[in-house]
Amino acid sequence: MICKFILTILVCCLGIFSLDAKDLKVLMIGNSFSVCVGTDLHQIVRSCSKHRLELTSAYIGGCTFDRHAANLNKAEADPKFKPYKVMLWDSAVRGSKSLGNLSVNELLKNNSYDIITIQQGSIQSWNYKTFQPHADELTAYIRKYQPKAEIVIQQTWSYNKKSARLLPHSKASLKFDSDGMYTRLKAAYAELAKKYNLRVIPTGDAVQNYRKYVAEKYKSDEIPEEPHIADVVGSRHGDYIHLNQAGRYLQACLWFGFLFGEDIEKITYVPKNIKSDQAEILRKCASDALKGYQQIK
């Protein structure tokens, strides 16, 4: 009797503790601003053994809402049309797996997801007029085939101030600076979130938090030139649009906290080429962004 009693208590306790564990299947319908989170996110989840994540990326570089909507329609008419490179990361398995070229249509029809993320292409992220009616079409299609999944918006980020798109005398200039791009894209994503009552992963806010940290730590003429210090967007190769290694870690920490409700500042996984003191700052910037964002629900 005593053994049975102890066994019953153990089973109940295990049941209680397992309530906090999550087993999530997430699909990202996006572009280079989403696929980059796969680098570190599954490893962060792996380091927290109680959770499991299957993260699928449907990727086309620079893909915007209008192109996603057009791809849905084209794939409905022609099942052979498979424009997305699809990758899978499983926190239970090291590394990633290519699933080849597929359409979003077949991913939504043939699988079951807990969360599906969407986002605008970065070049149009600041202008809500470019979101519609294409975001409407994408959202409606997702809800048709994945009615139980939560649709979540990833708020993307503004470019590094050195990007040609933000230089005032560049032919490609958007006619505003990095802060101006951030303010506009933040408002655009908030409008989309309000329309559909969607939660937002505030990646752009986390990036901006890091920029504020750098500005406060260094005087403007003393900020190191190394892009991985001065900004989490940009690399030594002249790419002033995409996240560098520090930025990808920042993004992954934020996603982990958002998806699993965990304290970001307690994450123990750190990529090899990021120093522990910088990793601590990146986690703090991500944590502040998540805590500070006013979600619709």
Foldseek 3Di string as FASTA:
>chain_A
DVVVVVVVVVVVVVVVVLVLEEEFEEEEEEEQQPVLLLPCQLQLVLVVPRYKYKYKYFYDHLDFLVNLLVLVVVCVVPVVDFATWMKIDISVDPDIDTPGTHRVLCVLQPDAGQEYEYAGRLVCLLPLVRNPPSVVSVVVSNCVRHVNHAYEYEQGAFWAQPDLCPDCPRPNHPNHGRVSSLVRNVVSVVVVCVVVVHWYLDLHQLQVLLQVVQCVVDPPVPQDPQCVRNGQADHPVGRRGHGDPLSSLLSSLLVCCVPSVDQSLPRDDDDPPDDPVSSNVSSVSSNCRVVVDDGSD
